[in-house]
C-alpha atoms as a PDB file:
ATOM      1  CA  UNK A   1     100.064 105.367  76.533  1.00  0.00           C
ATOM      2  CA  UNK A   2     103.152 103.321  75.681  1.00  0.00           C
ATOM      3  CA  UNK A   3     104.286 100.464  77.910  1.00  0.00           C
ATOM      4  CA  UNK A   4     107.715  98.851  78.124  1.00  0.00           C
ATOM      5  CA  UNK A   5     107.832  95.290  79.431  1.00  0.00           C
ATOM      6  CA  UNK A   6     111.370  94.673  80.645  1.00  0.00           C
ATOM      7  CA  UNK A   7     112.557  91.365  82.064  1.00  0.00           C
ATOM      8  CA  UNK A   8     115.343  88.879  81.821  1.00  0.00           C
ATOM      9  CA  UNK A   9     114.599  86.104  79.362  1.00  0.00           C
ATOM     10  CA  UNK A  10     113.091  83.013  80.910  1.00  0.00           C
ATOM     11  CA  UNK A  11     110.936  82.900  84.040  1.00  0.00           C
ATOM     12  CA  UNK A  12     110.807  86.652  84.631  1.00  0.00           C
ATOM     13  CA  UNK A  13     109.506  87.246  81.126  1.00  0.00           C
ATOM     14  CA  UNK A  14     107.112  84.295  81.336  1.00  0.00           C
ATOM     15  CA  UNK A  15     105.501  85.784  84.456  1.00  0.00           C
ATOM     16  CA  UNK A  16     105.033  89.201  82.869  1.00  0.00           C
ATOM     17  CA  UNK A  17     103.440  87.670  79.780  1.00  0.00           C
ATOM     18  CA  UNK A  18     100.561  86.664  82.071  1.00  0.00           C
ATOM     19  CA  UNK A  19      99.664  90.388  82.167  1.00  0.00           C
ATOM     20  CA  UNK A  20      99.133  90.624  78.402  1.00  0.00           C
ATOM     21  CA  UNK A  21      95.355  90.390  78.635  1.00  0.00           C
ATOM     22  CA  UNK A  22      95.394  93.565  80.740  1.00  0.00           C
ATOM     23  CA  UNK A  23      97.718  95.584  78.510  1.00  0.00           C
ATOM     24  CA  UNK A  24      96.870  94.198  75.068  1.00  0.00           C
ATOM     25  CA  UNK A  25      94.905  97.326  74.105  1.00  0.00           C
ATOM     26  CA  UNK A  26      97.951  99.528  74.672  1.00  0.00           C
ATOM     27  CA  UNK A  27     101.027 100.100  72.577  1.00  0.00           C
ATOM     28  CA  UNK A  28     103.758  98.005  74.213  1.00  0.00           C
ATOM     29  CA  UNK A  29     107.220  96.649  73.502  1.00  0.00           C
ATOM     30  CA  UNK A  30     109.764  94.404  75.196  1.00  0.00           C
ATOM     31  CA  UNK A  31     113.349  94.792  76.370  1.00  0.00           C
ATOM     32  CA  UNK A  32     115.085  91.545  77.311  1.00  0.00           C
ATOM     33  CA  UNK A  33     118.345  89.596  77.069  1.00  0.00           C
ATOM     34  CA  UNK A  34     118.973  87.030  74.385  1.00  0.00           C
ATOM     35  CA  UNK A  35     117.913  83.487  75.145  1.00  0.00           C
ATOM     36  CA  UNK A  36     117.413  80.975  72.374  1.00  0.00           C
ATOM     37  CA  UNK A  37     113.757  80.801  71.229  1.00  0.00           C
ATOM     38  CA  UNK A  38     112.572  83.591  73.562  1.00  0.00           C
ATOM     39  CA  UNK A  39     111.937  86.136  70.835  1.00  0.00           C
ATOM     40  CA  UNK A  40     109.726  83.616  69.006  1.00  0.00           C
ATOM     41  CA  UNK A  41     107.262  83.780  71.910  1.00  0.00           C
ATOM     42  CA  UNK A  42     107.010  87.556  72.258  1.00  0.00           C
ATOM     43  CA  UNK A  43     103.565  88.798  71.266  1.00  0.00           C
ATOM     44  CA  UNK A  44     104.520  92.427  70.680  1.00  0.00           C
ATOM     45  CA  UNK A  45     105.539  93.509  67.240  1.00  0.00           C
ATOM     46  CA  UNK A  46     108.482  95.362  68.749  1.00  0.00           C
ATOM     47  CA  UNK A  47     111.140  93.906  71.005  1.00  0.00           C
ATOM     48  CA  UNK A  48     114.730  94.774  71.772  1.00  0.00           C
ATOM     49  CA  UNK A  49     117.456  92.396  72.846  1.00  0.00           C
ATOM     50  CA  UNK A  50     120.103  93.903  75.114  1.00  0.00           C
ATOM     51  CA  UNK A  51     123.580  92.388  75.096  1.00  0.00           C
ATOM     52  CA  UNK A  52     125.739  91.621  76.921  1.00  0.00           C
ATOM     53  CA  UNK A  53     124.211  90.503  80.188  1.00  0.00           C
ATOM     54  CA  UNK A  54     125.694  92.778  82.859  1.00  0.00           C
ATOM     55  CA  UNK A  55     126.142  89.779  85.167  1.00  0.00           C
ATOM     56  CA  UNK A  56     128.867  88.454  82.841  1.00  0.00           C
ATOM     57  CA  UNK A  57     131.978  88.489  85.096  1.00  0.00           C
ATOM     58  CA  UNK A  58     134.373  88.447  82.128  1.00  0.00           C
ATOM     59  CA  UNK A  59     133.112  91.817  80.912  1.00  0.00           C
ATOM     60  CA  UNK A  60     132.627  93.542  84.270  1.00  0.00           C
ATOM     61  CA  UNK A  61     132.028  97.279  84.086  1.00  0.00           C
ATOM     62  CA  UNK A  62     132.287  97.270  80.287  1.00  0.00           C
ATOM     63  CA  UNK A  63     129.098  95.186  80.079  1.00  0.00           C
ATOM     64  CA  UNK A  64     127.260  97.728  82.231  1.00  0.00           C
ATOM     65  CA  UNK A  65     128.443 100.630  80.035  1.00  0.00           C
ATOM     66  CA  UNK A  66     127.367  98.853  76.837  1.00  0.00           C
ATOM     67  CA  UNK A  67     124.017  97.942  78.400  1.00  0.00           C
ATOM     68  CA  UNK A  68     123.516 101.534  79.590  1.00  0.00           C
ATOM     69  CA  UNK A  69     123.930 103.034  76.112  1.00  0.00           C
ATOM     70  CA  UNK A  70     121.855 100.344  74.395  1.00  0.00           C
ATOM     71  CA  UNK A  71     119.031 100.954  76.865  1.00  0.00           C
ATOM     72  CA  UNK A  72     119.313 104.731  76.608  1.00  0.00           C
ATOM     73  CA  UNK A  73     118.987 104.568  72.824  1.00  0.00           C
ATOM     74  CA  UNK A  74     115.870 102.369  73.046  1.00  0.00           C
ATOM     75  CA  UNK A  75     114.192 104.545  75.673  1.00  0.00           C
ATOM     76  CA  UNK A  76     114.825 107.760  73.766  1.00  0.00           C
ATOM     77  CA  UNK A  77     113.374 106.182  70.641  1.00  0.00           C
ATOM     78  CA  UNK A  78     110.299 104.567  72.244  1.00  0.00           C
ATOM     79  CA  UNK A  79     109.627 107.002  75.151  1.00  0.00           C
ATOM     80  CA  UNK A  80     107.474 104.696  77.304  1.00  0.00           C
ATOM     81  CA  UNK A  81     105.065 106.168  79.840  1.00  0.00           C
ATOM     82  CA  UNK A  82     105.104 103.008  81.964  1.00  0.00           C
ATOM     83  CA  UNK A  83     107.724 100.362  82.670  1.00  0.00           C
ATOM     84  CA  UNK A  84     106.462  96.968  83.869  1.00  0.00           C
ATOM     85  CA  UNK A  85     109.153  94.657  85.178  1.00  0.00           C
ATOM     86  CA  UNK A  86     109.814  91.637  87.334  1.00  0.00           C
ATOM     87  CA  UNK A  87     113.593  91.926  87.011  1.00  0.00           C
ATOM     88  CA  UNK A  88     116.273  90.939  86.859  1.00  0.00           C
ATOM     89  CA  UNK A  89     119.477  92.666  85.744  1.00  0.00           C
ATOM     90  CA  UNK A  90     118.140  94.166  82.511  1.00  0.00           C
ATOM     91  CA  UNK A  91     115.513  95.991  84.587  1.00  0.00           C
ATOM     92  CA  UNK A  92     117.919  98.028  86.715  1.00  0.00           C
ATOM     93  CA  UNK A  93     119.301 100.253  83.986  1.00  0.00           C
ATOM     94  CA  UNK A  94     115.994 100.499  82.142  1.00  0.00           C
ATOM     95  CA  UNK A  95     113.977 101.533  85.184  1.00  0.00           C
ATOM     96  CA  UNK A  96     116.406 104.119  86.522  1.00  0.00           C
ATOM     97  CA  UNK A  97     116.942 105.721  83.117  1.00  0.00           C
ATOM     98  CA  UNK A  98     113.213 105.782  82.331  1.00  0.00           C
ATOM     99  CA  UNK A  99     112.294 107.158  85.761  1.00  0.00           C
ATOM    100  CA  UNK A 100     114.782 110.014  85.799  1.00  0.00           C
ATOM    101  CA  UNK A 101     115.036 110.902  82.103  1.00  0.00           C
ATOM    102  CA  UNK A 102     111.476 110.328  80.912  1.00  0.00           C
ATOM    103  CA  UNK A 103     109.528 110.459  84.191  1.00  0.00           C
ATOM    104  CA  UNK A 104     108.046 107.053  83.354  1.00  0.00           C
ATOM    105  CA  UNK A 105     105.942 105.267  85.951  1.00  0.00           C
ATOM    106  CA  UNK A 106     107.521 102.062  87.266  1.00  0.00           C
ATOM    107  CA  UNK A 107     105.434  98.977  88.076  1.00  0.00           C
ATOM    108  CA  UNK A 108     107.492  96.234  89.692  1.00  0.00           C
ATOM    109  CA  UNK A 109     106.150  92.698  90.133  1.00  0.00           C
ATOM    110  CA  UNK A 110     108.239  90.614  92.526  1.00  0.00           C
ATOM    111  CA  UNK A 111     108.831  87.204  91.013  1.00  0.00           C
ATOM    112  CA  UNK A 112     106.717  84.305  92.246  1.00  0.00           C
ATOM    113  CA  UNK A 113     109.820  82.448  93.408  1.00  0.00           C
ATOM    114  CA  UNK A 114     110.289  85.021  96.188  1.00  0.00           C
ATOM    115  CA  UNK A 115     108.104  83.964  99.102  1.00  0.00           C
ATOM    116  CA  UNK A 116     109.888  85.117 102.264  1.00  0.00           C
ATOM    117  CA  UNK A 117     112.959  87.012 101.087  1.00  0.00           C
ATOM    118  CA  UNK A 118     113.163  89.924  98.647  1.00  0.00           C
ATOM    119  CA  UNK A 119     115.112  89.764  95.415  1.00  0.00           C
ATOM    120  CA  UNK A 120     118.121  91.996  94.857  1.00  0.00           C
ATOM    121  CA  UNK A 121     116.370  93.776  91.977  1.00  0.00           C
ATOM    122  CA  UNK A 122     113.272  94.242  94.126  1.00  0.00           C
ATOM    123  CA  UNK A 123     115.346  95.955  96.815  1.00  0.00           C
ATOM    124  CA  UNK A 124     117.068  98.133  94.201  1.00  0.00           C
ATOM    125  CA  UNK A 125     113.848  99.213  92.468  1.00  0.00           C
ATOM    126  CA  UNK A 126     111.627  99.590  95.550  1.00  0.00           C
ATOM    127  CA  UNK A 127     112.674 103.238  96.134  1.00  0.00           C
ATOM    128  CA  UNK A 128     111.651 104.356  92.627  1.00  0.00           C
ATOM    129  CA  UNK A 129     108.670 102.074  91.990  1.00  0.00           C
ATOM    130  CA  UNK A 130     105.310 103.817  91.661  1.00  0.00           C
ATOM    131  CA  UNK A 131     103.563 100.501  92.252  1.00  0.00           C
ATOM    132  CA  UNK A 132     105.211  97.494  93.853  1.00  0.00           C
ATOM    133  CA  UNK A 133     103.366  94.166  93.688  1.00  0.00           C
ATOM    134  CA  UNK A 134     104.246  90.991  95.568  1.00  0.00           C
ATOM    135  CA  UNK A 135     102.820  87.555  94.834  1.00  0.00           C
ATOM    136  CA  UNK A 136     103.144  86.229  98.391  1.00  0.00           C
ATOM    137  CA  UNK A 137     101.747  87.888 101.533  1.00  0.00           C
ATOM    138  CA  UNK A 138     104.877  87.314 103.701  1.00  0.00           C
ATOM    139  CA  UNK A 139     106.731  89.826 101.506  1.00  0.00           C
ATOM    140  CA  UNK A 140     104.396  92.614 102.593  1.00  0.00           C
ATOM    141  CA  UNK A 141     106.186  92.752 105.955  1.00  0.00           C
ATOM    142  CA  UNK A 142     109.602  92.534 104.327  1.00  0.00           C
ATOM    143  CA  UNK A 143     109.104  95.390 101.881  1.00  0.00           C
ATOM    144  CA  UNK A 144     106.921  97.844 103.762  1.00  0.00           C
ATOM    145  CA  UNK A 145     104.102 100.269 103.028  1.00  0.00           C
ATOM    146  CA  UNK A 146     104.534 100.579  99.283  1.00  0.00           C
ATOM    147  CA  UNK A 147     104.204  96.844  98.653  1.00  0.00           C
ATOM    148  CA  UNK A 148     100.785  95.537  97.593  1.00  0.00           C
ATOM    149  CA  UNK A 149      99.689  91.916  97.509  1.00  0.00           C
ATOM    150  CA  UNK A 150      98.584  91.201  93.945  1.00  0.00           C
ATOM    151  CA  UNK A 151      98.092  87.464  94.064  1.00  0.00           C
ATOM    152  CA  UNK A 152      99.909  84.975  91.875  1.00  0.00           C
ATOM    153  CA  UNK A 153     100.357  85.491  88.156  1.00  0.00           C
ATOM    154  CA  UNK A 154     101.029  81.853  87.296  1.00  0.00           C
END
């Protein structure tokens, strides 16, 4: 089984790294955005840096198109069975492409900073997630039946 860990650089990626003890026996790789010194801390031998960040207002739709094709190329090369993500923007394209092109399973972990209100990426990925974990019990009511309380990663 091959696992793709996809998250924006920074806190999202830091949270997912707490799962490494569970997945360390599997073949896994990362997809993230560039952030100085982030790639130095990635434990996988393989990681991909997607640029530009699709939130960049100067690039608009062009950033999304570039991101789409970069992600598509990575997914076709690596062919992950499972995507594990906590968001944010880099996860949208990766999860939808992997779900519908490769039939990958999607595991979403809502970020710890979301206690009472869902994140935008959580709302966007909820419909396609095969497993949807929240770190705070109040979010169970917000998200619905698919959400599972998983406790806190940090």
